[in-house]
């Protein structure tokens, strides 16, 4: 009786591992999870500053339509951002001077959801910083963006001093 229970437990574990493995996205940077924490580095003695929001709303209203890195003191020729969908397909790749408008590499619109981001940054002082982040593409539902209680950080929230303020997008819980 004990042997059957052990074998049954192994089979159930194998099924779980196969299912989990199938749902794990694969990409060159192995950025496979998303966090709603913005990537931020306040201005240091070398003049380096960067802030990557966690969400944007590419609906064409002129508010938070593009997901991009705010920065100063970075080597723009040697810094890049790559974004994938959750199945691991690359939807954006480019220099940090270019933002993502929510479309895929073929120009089609991407759906609302989480998109793993890989930043490869090089400071003007020559320091390399590689990190994973997340872009949440949010869509309006009626007259507001449904946040389901999650706190997001939008591009329009950053002021010139590097502090996060209130967004101009209309949010509803």
Protein backbone atom coordinates (compact mmCIF):
# COMPACT_ATOMS: atom_id res chain seq x y z
CA UNK A 1 0.00 0.00 0.00
CA UNK A 2 2.80 2.43 0.82
CA UNK A 3 4.51 1.77 -2.53
CA UNK A 4 1.39 2.69 -4.47
CA UNK A 5 1.09 5.96 -2.61
CA UNK A 6 4.74 6.83 -3.32
CA UNK A 7 4.39 6.01 -7.01
CA UNK A 8 1.17 8.01 -7.20
CA UNK A 9 2.95 10.97 -5.61
CA UNK A 10 5.78 10.77 -8.15
CA UNK A 11 3.39 10.73 -11.08
CA UNK A 12 1.55 13.77 -9.77
CA UNK A 13 4.85 15.61 -9.30
CA UNK A 14 5.97 14.77 -12.85
CA UNK A 15 2.74 16.13 -14.30
CA UNK A 16 3.14 19.36 -12.34
CA UNK A 17 6.73 19.81 -13.51
CA UNK A 18 5.77 19.30 -17.15
CA UNK A 19 2.89 21.77 -16.88
CA UNK A 20 5.03 24.36 -15.11
CA UNK A 21 7.84 23.96 -17.63
CA UNK A 22 5.49 24.53 -20.57
CA UNK A 23 4.20 27.79 -19.13
CA UNK A 24 7.64 29.26 -18.40
CA UNK A 25 8.58 31.75 -21.12
CA UNK A 26 12.02 31.52 -22.63
CA UNK A 27 14.06 34.41 -23.92
CA UNK A 28 17.72 35.26 -24.29
CA UNK A 29 17.86 37.19 -21.03
CA UNK A 30 15.89 34.64 -18.99
CA UNK A 31 13.63 37.42 -17.75
CA UNK A 32 10.67 35.21 -16.99
CA UNK A 33 8.87 36.94 -14.13
CA UNK A 34 7.32 40.33 -13.72
CA UNK A 35 7.40 42.68 -10.78
CA UNK A 36 5.41 45.88 -10.35
CA UNK A 37 8.40 47.60 -8.77
CA UNK A 38 9.79 50.40 -10.95
CA UNK A 39 13.47 50.30 -11.82
CA UNK A 40 14.95 53.47 -10.41
CA UNK A 41 18.40 54.90 -9.77
CA UNK A 42 18.55 58.44 -8.42
CA UNK A 43 21.22 60.75 -9.78
CA UNK A 44 24.63 59.80 -8.40
CA UNK A 45 27.99 61.61 -8.42
CA UNK A 46 28.65 60.55 -12.03
CA UNK A 47 25.35 62.10 -13.18
CA UNK A 48 23.72 58.74 -13.87
CA UNK A 49 19.95 58.57 -13.38
CA UNK A 50 17.34 56.14 -14.71
CA UNK A 51 13.71 55.28 -14.08
CA UNK A 52 11.67 52.58 -15.83
CA UNK A 53 7.92 52.71 -15.16
CA UNK A 54 5.88 49.54 -14.68
CA UNK A 55 2.91 50.30 -16.94
CA UNK A 56 1.66 52.23 -19.95
CA UNK A 57 -1.58 52.65 -21.90
CA UNK A 58 -0.94 52.78 -25.68
CA UNK A 59 -4.42 53.93 -26.68
CA UNK A 60 -3.46 57.04 -28.67
CA UNK A 61 -4.72 59.65 -26.20
CA UNK A 62 -1.25 61.18 -25.74
CA UNK A 63 -0.99 60.07 -22.08
CA UNK A 64 1.43 57.21 -21.32
CA UNK A 65 1.22 55.87 -24.89
CA UNK A 66 4.89 54.78 -25.00
CA UNK A 67 6.88 52.64 -22.56
CA UNK A 68 10.39 54.03 -22.26
CA UNK A 69 13.34 54.52 -19.93
CA UNK A 70 13.92 57.98 -18.44
CA UNK A 71 17.65 58.50 -18.07
CA UNK A 72 20.72 60.69 -17.99
CA UNK A 73 24.38 59.75 -17.85
CA UNK A 74 23.98 56.52 -19.88
CA UNK A 75 25.95 55.58 -22.99
CA UNK A 76 23.06 55.47 -25.49
CA UNK A 77 25.16 53.70 -28.14
CA UNK A 78 25.77 50.77 -25.79
CA UNK A 79 22.50 50.57 -23.85
CA UNK A 80 19.41 48.68 -25.02
CA UNK A 81 15.99 47.41 -24.01
CA UNK A 82 14.41 44.14 -25.14
CA UNK A 83 10.81 43.11 -24.46
CA UNK A 84 9.08 39.72 -24.89
CA UNK A 85 5.54 38.48 -24.58
CA UNK A 86 4.87 35.75 -21.99
CA UNK A 87 5.30 32.99 -24.58
CA UNK A 88 8.88 34.20 -25.14
CA UNK A 89 8.46 35.93 -28.51
CA UNK A 90 10.43 39.15 -28.84
CA UNK A 91 8.09 42.11 -29.42
CA UNK A 92 10.57 44.99 -29.08
CA UNK A 93 14.34 45.45 -29.27
CA UNK A 94 16.14 48.74 -29.53
CA UNK A 95 18.33 51.42 -28.08
CA UNK A 96 17.14 53.09 -24.89
CA UNK A 97 16.44 56.27 -26.86
CA UNK A 98 13.49 54.49 -28.51
CA UNK A 99 10.37 53.53 -26.57
CA UNK A 100 7.92 50.67 -27.08
CA UNK A 101 4.53 51.69 -28.47
CA UNK A 102 2.81 48.40 -27.63
CA UNK A 103 3.16 46.83 -31.07
CA UNK A 104 5.01 43.65 -32.00
CA UNK A 105 7.96 43.38 -34.39
CA UNK A 106 5.53 43.06 -37.33
CA UNK A 107 3.61 46.19 -36.37
CA UNK A 108 0.56 44.42 -34.90
CA UNK A 109 -0.91 45.62 -31.62
CA UNK A 110 -0.02 43.54 -28.55
CA UNK A 111 -2.76 42.65 -26.11
CA UNK A 112 -3.05 43.86 -22.53
CA UNK A 113 -0.81 41.95 -20.13
CA UNK A 114 2.65 41.59 -18.63
CA UNK A 115 5.76 41.74 -20.81
CA UNK A 116 9.21 40.81 -19.42
CA UNK A 117 11.86 43.49 -20.10
CA UNK A 118 15.64 43.16 -20.20
CA UNK A 119 17.72 46.32 -19.80
CA UNK A 120 21.39 46.34 -20.77
CA UNK A 121 22.72 49.68 -19.59
CA UNK A 122 26.17 51.17 -19.74
CA UNK A 123 26.90 54.33 -17.81
CA UNK A 124 29.02 57.12 -19.26
CA UNK A 125 31.59 56.05 -16.61
CA UNK A 126 31.74 52.60 -18.27
CA UNK A 127 29.80 50.62 -15.62
CA UNK A 128 27.54 47.89 -17.05
CA UNK A 129 24.14 47.29 -15.46
CA UNK A 130 21.93 44.40 -16.66
CA UNK A 131 18.50 43.86 -15.14
CA UNK A 132 15.06 42.37 -15.66
CA UNK A 133 11.88 44.37 -15.26
CA UNK A 134 8.28 44.28 -16.42
CA UNK A 135 6.09 46.33 -18.76
CA UNK A 136 2.38 46.10 -18.01
CA UNK A 137 0.38 47.03 -21.08
CA UNK A 138 -2.95 48.22 -19.66
CA UNK A 139 -6.17 48.88 -21.54
CA UNK A 140 -9.05 51.19 -20.74
CA UNK A 141 -12.27 49.49 -19.69
CA UNK A 142 -14.97 52.07 -20.27
CA UNK A 143 -13.73 55.41 -18.98
CA UNK A 144 -10.88 54.15 -16.78
CA UNK A 145 -8.08 51.63 -16.40
CA UNK A 146 -8.93 48.69 -14.17
CA UNK A 147 -6.00 48.22 -11.77
CA UNK A 148 -7.53 45.48 -9.58
CA UNK A 149 -5.83 47.06 -6.58
CA UNK A 150 -2.31 46.87 -8.07
CA UNK A 151 -0.11 49.97 -7.86
CA UNK A 152 1.45 50.79 -11.23
CA UNK A 153 4.00 53.46 -12.12
CA UNK A 154 3.40 55.32 -15.40
CA UNK A 155 5.74 57.39 -17.59
CA UNK A 156 3.90 60.64 -16.84
CA UNK A 157 4.42 60.30 -13.08
CA UNK A 158 8.09 61.25 -13.08
CA UNK A 159 8.90 64.89 -12.53
CA UNK A 160 12.12 66.70 -13.44
CA UNK A 161 13.55 66.12 -9.95
CA UNK A 162 13.05 62.35 -10.27
CA UNK A 163 10.06 62.05 -7.95
CA UNK A 164 6.94 60.03 -8.71
CA UNK A 165 3.67 61.98 -8.73
CA UNK A 166 0.06 61.20 -9.66
CA UNK A 167 -0.66 59.88 -13.17
CA UNK A 168 -2.94 61.69 -15.63
CA UNK A 169 -4.51 58.40 -16.71
CA UNK A 170 -7.92 57.69 -15.15
CA UNK A 171 -7.57 54.70 -12.82
CA UNK A 172 -10.32 52.72 -11.13
CA UNK A 173 -9.65 50.01 -8.52
